[in-house]
N, C-alpha and C. Protein backbone atom coordinates (compact mmCIF):
# COMPACT_ATOMS: atom_id res chain seq x y z
N MET A 1 99.55 107.07 104.58
CA MET A 1 98.88 107.42 103.36
C MET A 1 98.00 106.25 102.93
N PHE A 2 96.86 106.57 102.31
CA PHE A 2 95.93 105.53 101.88
C PHE A 2 95.73 105.57 100.37
N TYR A 3 95.39 104.44 99.81
CA TYR A 3 95.04 104.31 98.39
C TYR A 3 93.66 103.67 98.33
N ILE A 4 92.80 104.19 97.46
CA ILE A 4 91.47 103.64 97.27
C ILE A 4 91.49 102.75 96.03
N VAL A 5 91.12 101.49 96.18
CA VAL A 5 91.13 100.53 95.08
C VAL A 5 90.17 100.99 93.99
N GLN A 6 90.66 100.96 92.75
CA GLN A 6 89.91 101.39 91.57
C GLN A 6 89.48 100.17 90.75
N PRO A 7 88.52 100.35 89.83
CA PRO A 7 88.15 99.23 88.95
C PRO A 7 89.38 98.71 88.21
N ASP A 8 89.48 97.43 88.05
CA ASP A 8 90.58 96.74 87.35
C ASP A 8 91.89 96.73 88.13
N ASP A 9 91.91 97.24 89.37
CA ASP A 9 93.13 97.16 90.18
C ASP A 9 93.36 95.73 90.66
N TYR A 10 94.61 95.38 90.79
CA TYR A 10 95.02 94.13 91.42
C TYR A 10 96.33 94.42 92.14
N LEU A 11 96.75 93.56 93.04
CA LEU A 11 97.88 93.88 93.91
C LEU A 11 99.15 94.26 93.16
N ASN A 12 99.51 93.50 92.12
CA ASN A 12 100.74 93.83 91.39
C ASN A 12 100.68 95.21 90.76
N LEU A 13 99.53 95.57 90.21
CA LEU A 13 99.38 96.88 89.58
C LEU A 13 99.44 97.99 90.63
N ILE A 14 98.75 97.81 91.74
CA ILE A 14 98.78 98.82 92.80
C ILE A 14 100.21 98.98 93.32
N ALA A 15 100.89 97.87 93.53
CA ALA A 15 102.27 97.93 94.00
C ALA A 15 103.14 98.71 93.02
N TRP A 16 102.95 98.44 91.73
CA TRP A 16 103.75 99.14 90.72
C TRP A 16 103.41 100.63 90.70
N LYS A 17 102.11 100.96 90.69
CA LYS A 17 101.70 102.37 90.63
C LYS A 17 102.26 103.17 91.80
N LEU A 18 102.35 102.54 92.95
CA LEU A 18 102.76 103.24 94.17
C LEU A 18 104.21 103.00 94.53
N ASP A 19 104.91 102.25 93.69
CA ASP A 19 106.34 101.99 93.87
C ASP A 19 106.64 101.33 95.21
N VAL A 20 105.83 100.32 95.53
CA VAL A 20 106.06 99.50 96.71
C VAL A 20 106.02 98.04 96.27
N SER A 21 106.47 97.16 97.11
CA SER A 21 106.41 95.74 96.77
C SER A 21 105.06 95.16 97.19
N VAL A 22 104.69 94.06 96.57
CA VAL A 22 103.47 93.37 96.98
C VAL A 22 103.60 92.95 98.44
N ASN A 23 104.79 92.51 98.82
CA ASN A 23 105.01 92.11 100.22
C ASN A 23 104.76 93.27 101.18
N GLN A 24 105.17 94.49 100.78
CA GLN A 24 104.91 95.65 101.63
C GLN A 24 103.41 95.91 101.74
N LEU A 25 102.70 95.81 100.60
CA LEU A 25 101.25 95.98 100.64
C LEU A 25 100.61 94.98 101.59
N LEU A 26 101.04 93.73 101.49
CA LEU A 26 100.47 92.68 102.34
C LEU A 26 100.84 92.90 103.81
N GLN A 27 102.06 93.36 104.04
CA GLN A 27 102.50 93.60 105.42
C GLN A 27 101.65 94.69 106.08
N PHE A 28 101.33 95.75 105.33
CA PHE A 28 100.57 96.86 105.88
C PHE A 28 99.06 96.66 105.76
N ASN A 29 98.64 95.66 104.98
CA ASN A 29 97.22 95.38 104.75
C ASN A 29 96.98 93.88 104.80
N PRO A 30 97.18 93.24 105.96
CA PRO A 30 97.10 91.78 106.03
C PRO A 30 95.74 91.22 105.64
N MET A 31 94.69 92.03 105.69
CA MET A 31 93.36 91.54 105.35
C MET A 31 93.23 91.19 103.87
N VAL A 32 94.09 91.74 103.00
CA VAL A 32 93.97 91.44 101.57
C VAL A 32 94.66 90.14 101.18
N ASP A 33 95.41 89.57 102.10
CA ASP A 33 96.12 88.32 101.79
C ASP A 33 95.15 87.17 101.55
N ASN A 34 94.03 87.16 102.25
CA ASN A 34 93.08 86.05 102.14
C ASN A 34 91.74 86.46 101.52
N SER A 35 91.62 87.71 101.09
CA SER A 35 90.36 88.20 100.54
C SER A 35 90.63 88.94 99.23
N PRO A 36 89.68 88.90 98.30
CA PRO A 36 89.86 89.66 97.06
C PRO A 36 89.72 91.16 97.31
N LEU A 37 90.39 91.96 96.48
CA LEU A 37 90.23 93.41 96.56
C LEU A 37 88.85 93.79 96.05
N TYR A 38 88.34 94.91 96.53
CA TYR A 38 87.07 95.41 96.01
C TYR A 38 87.18 96.92 95.79
N VAL A 39 86.46 97.42 94.79
CA VAL A 39 86.48 98.84 94.45
C VAL A 39 86.04 99.64 95.67
N GLY A 40 86.82 100.68 95.97
CA GLY A 40 86.52 101.53 97.12
C GLY A 40 87.26 101.12 98.39
N GLN A 41 87.89 99.96 98.37
CA GLN A 41 88.64 99.50 99.54
C GLN A 41 89.81 100.44 99.81
N ARG A 42 90.06 100.74 101.08
CA ARG A 42 91.20 101.59 101.46
C ARG A 42 92.38 100.71 101.84
N LEU A 43 93.51 100.98 101.21
CA LEU A 43 94.75 100.27 101.54
C LEU A 43 95.74 101.27 102.11
N PHE A 44 96.43 100.88 103.16
CA PHE A 44 97.48 101.71 103.72
C PHE A 44 98.73 101.53 102.87
N ILE A 45 99.35 102.64 102.48
CA ILE A 45 100.54 102.60 101.63
C ILE A 45 101.71 103.20 102.41
N PRO A 46 102.81 102.45 102.56
CA PRO A 46 103.91 102.92 103.38
C PRO A 46 104.80 103.98 102.73
N LEU A 47 104.79 104.10 101.40
CA LEU A 47 105.68 105.05 100.73
C LEU A 47 104.89 106.02 99.86
N PRO A 48 105.33 107.28 99.74
CA PRO A 48 104.57 108.28 98.99
C PRO A 48 104.96 108.43 97.52
N SER A 49 105.42 107.40 96.85
CA SER A 49 105.82 107.51 95.46
C SER A 49 104.69 107.02 94.55
N PHE A 50 104.29 107.83 93.56
CA PHE A 50 103.17 107.48 92.69
C PHE A 50 103.61 107.24 91.26
N ARG A 51 102.82 106.48 90.55
CA ARG A 51 102.97 106.27 89.12
C ARG A 51 101.61 106.50 88.49
N ALA A 52 101.60 106.62 87.17
CA ALA A 52 100.35 106.88 86.47
C ALA A 52 100.19 105.92 85.29
N ILE A 53 98.98 105.88 84.76
CA ILE A 53 98.68 105.08 83.59
C ILE A 53 98.41 106.05 82.44
N VAL A 54 99.11 105.87 81.31
CA VAL A 54 98.89 106.70 80.12
C VAL A 54 98.45 105.79 78.98
N THR A 55 97.85 106.38 77.95
CA THR A 55 97.50 105.59 76.77
C THR A 55 98.57 105.80 75.71
N TYR A 56 98.77 104.78 74.89
CA TYR A 56 99.79 104.81 73.85
C TYR A 56 99.23 104.10 72.62
N THR A 57 99.43 104.70 71.45
CA THR A 57 99.02 104.09 70.20
C THR A 57 100.22 103.38 69.60
N VAL A 58 100.09 102.09 69.40
CA VAL A 58 101.17 101.26 68.86
C VAL A 58 101.48 101.69 67.43
N ILE A 59 102.78 101.83 67.12
CA ILE A 59 103.21 102.17 65.77
C ILE A 59 103.93 100.98 65.14
N THR A 60 104.09 101.02 63.83
CA THR A 60 104.77 99.95 63.11
C THR A 60 106.17 99.74 63.70
N GLY A 61 106.50 98.51 63.97
CA GLY A 61 107.80 98.18 64.54
C GLY A 61 107.78 98.01 66.04
N ASP A 62 106.73 98.48 66.70
CA ASP A 62 106.63 98.32 68.15
C ASP A 62 106.40 96.86 68.51
N THR A 63 107.00 96.45 69.60
CA THR A 63 106.71 95.16 70.23
C THR A 63 106.43 95.46 71.69
N LEU A 64 105.88 94.50 72.38
CA LEU A 64 105.66 94.70 73.82
C LEU A 64 106.97 94.97 74.53
N ASP A 65 108.02 94.27 74.12
CA ASP A 65 109.33 94.50 74.75
C ASP A 65 109.84 95.91 74.50
N SER A 66 109.72 96.40 73.26
CA SER A 66 110.23 97.74 72.95
C SER A 66 109.40 98.82 73.65
N ILE A 67 108.10 98.61 73.73
CA ILE A 67 107.24 99.58 74.43
C ILE A 67 107.57 99.59 75.92
N ALA A 68 107.74 98.41 76.50
CA ALA A 68 108.10 98.33 77.92
C ALA A 68 109.41 99.06 78.19
N LYS A 69 110.39 98.86 77.31
CA LYS A 69 111.68 99.52 77.48
C LYS A 69 111.53 101.04 77.35
N LYS A 70 110.74 101.48 76.38
CA LYS A 70 110.54 102.91 76.13
C LYS A 70 109.93 103.61 77.35
N PHE A 71 109.04 102.91 78.06
CA PHE A 71 108.34 103.52 79.18
C PHE A 71 108.86 103.05 80.54
N ASN A 72 109.96 102.31 80.54
CA ASN A 72 110.54 101.80 81.79
C ASN A 72 109.49 101.02 82.59
N ALA A 73 108.79 100.14 81.89
CA ALA A 73 107.77 99.29 82.50
C ALA A 73 108.16 97.84 82.23
N THR A 74 107.31 96.91 82.59
CA THR A 74 107.57 95.52 82.27
C THR A 74 106.55 95.03 81.26
N LYS A 75 107.00 94.13 80.41
CA LYS A 75 106.11 93.53 79.41
C LYS A 75 104.92 92.87 80.10
N GLN A 76 105.18 92.15 81.16
CA GLN A 76 104.12 91.43 81.87
C GLN A 76 103.06 92.39 82.41
N LEU A 77 103.49 93.50 82.99
CA LEU A 77 102.53 94.46 83.54
C LEU A 77 101.68 95.09 82.43
N ILE A 78 102.31 95.41 81.29
CA ILE A 78 101.55 95.96 80.16
C ILE A 78 100.54 94.94 79.67
N MET A 79 100.95 93.69 79.58
CA MET A 79 100.04 92.63 79.13
C MET A 79 98.86 92.48 80.10
N GLU A 80 99.15 92.46 81.39
CA GLU A 80 98.09 92.30 82.40
C GLU A 80 97.14 93.50 82.40
N LEU A 81 97.70 94.69 82.29
CA LEU A 81 96.89 95.90 82.33
C LEU A 81 95.93 95.99 81.14
N ASN A 82 96.35 95.42 80.01
CA ASN A 82 95.56 95.49 78.78
C ASN A 82 94.90 94.17 78.40
N TYR A 83 95.01 93.18 79.25
CA TYR A 83 94.44 91.85 78.97
C TYR A 83 94.95 91.33 77.62
N ILE A 84 96.24 91.48 77.37
CA ILE A 84 96.87 91.07 76.11
C ILE A 84 97.53 89.71 76.31
N THR A 85 97.32 88.81 75.36
CA THR A 85 97.97 87.50 75.42
C THR A 85 98.90 87.27 74.23
N THR A 86 98.87 88.19 73.25
CA THR A 86 99.73 88.09 72.07
C THR A 86 100.40 89.43 71.84
N GLU A 87 101.21 89.53 70.79
CA GLU A 87 101.87 90.79 70.46
C GLU A 87 100.84 91.85 70.07
N VAL A 88 101.27 93.11 70.13
CA VAL A 88 100.41 94.24 69.77
C VAL A 88 100.48 94.48 68.26
N SER A 89 99.51 95.26 67.76
CA SER A 89 99.43 95.58 66.33
C SER A 89 99.44 97.09 66.14
N PRO A 90 100.00 97.58 65.01
CA PRO A 90 99.97 99.03 64.75
C PRO A 90 98.55 99.56 64.81
N GLY A 91 98.39 100.72 65.46
CA GLY A 91 97.08 101.34 65.60
C GLY A 91 96.36 100.95 66.88
N GLN A 92 96.82 99.88 67.52
CA GLN A 92 96.19 99.43 68.76
C GLN A 92 96.49 100.45 69.86
N ILE A 93 95.49 100.79 70.65
CA ILE A 93 95.66 101.72 71.77
C ILE A 93 95.74 100.91 73.05
N ILE A 94 96.83 101.11 73.79
CA ILE A 94 97.04 100.34 75.01
C ILE A 94 97.32 101.29 76.18
N LYS A 95 97.14 100.77 77.38
CA LYS A 95 97.47 101.51 78.60
C LYS A 95 98.90 101.16 78.98
N ILE A 96 99.65 102.18 79.39
CA ILE A 96 101.04 101.99 79.78
C ILE A 96 101.24 102.56 81.18
N PRO A 97 101.78 101.77 82.10
CA PRO A 97 102.13 102.30 83.41
C PRO A 97 103.42 103.11 83.31
N THR A 98 103.44 104.30 83.88
CA THR A 98 104.62 105.15 83.79
C THR A 98 104.76 106.01 85.04
N LYS A 99 105.94 106.52 85.28
CA LYS A 99 106.15 107.42 86.42
C LYS A 99 105.55 108.77 86.11
N LEU A 100 105.04 109.43 87.15
CA LEU A 100 104.50 110.79 86.98
C LEU A 100 105.63 111.77 86.78
């Protein structure tokens, strides 16, 4: 199975979306170990499990930790996906990685 690299993709995000490890991606795609990813690049994926990205509007009382727990994601991945370096604010719309 193949995956086509999308805008804003990076190895950790692709690994998470496809439920594989970064090491598995590198093992099956050794050319990406020393080169940056580019949009349209085809990567071989060893497992057929997919995840999706949804949008979420932050409500009062939400924290990155509580949102991550609610969606079974990691705080770090949510921060990286949204280019967040601080806590979220009510009304803020963020992308959340989640299982399909």
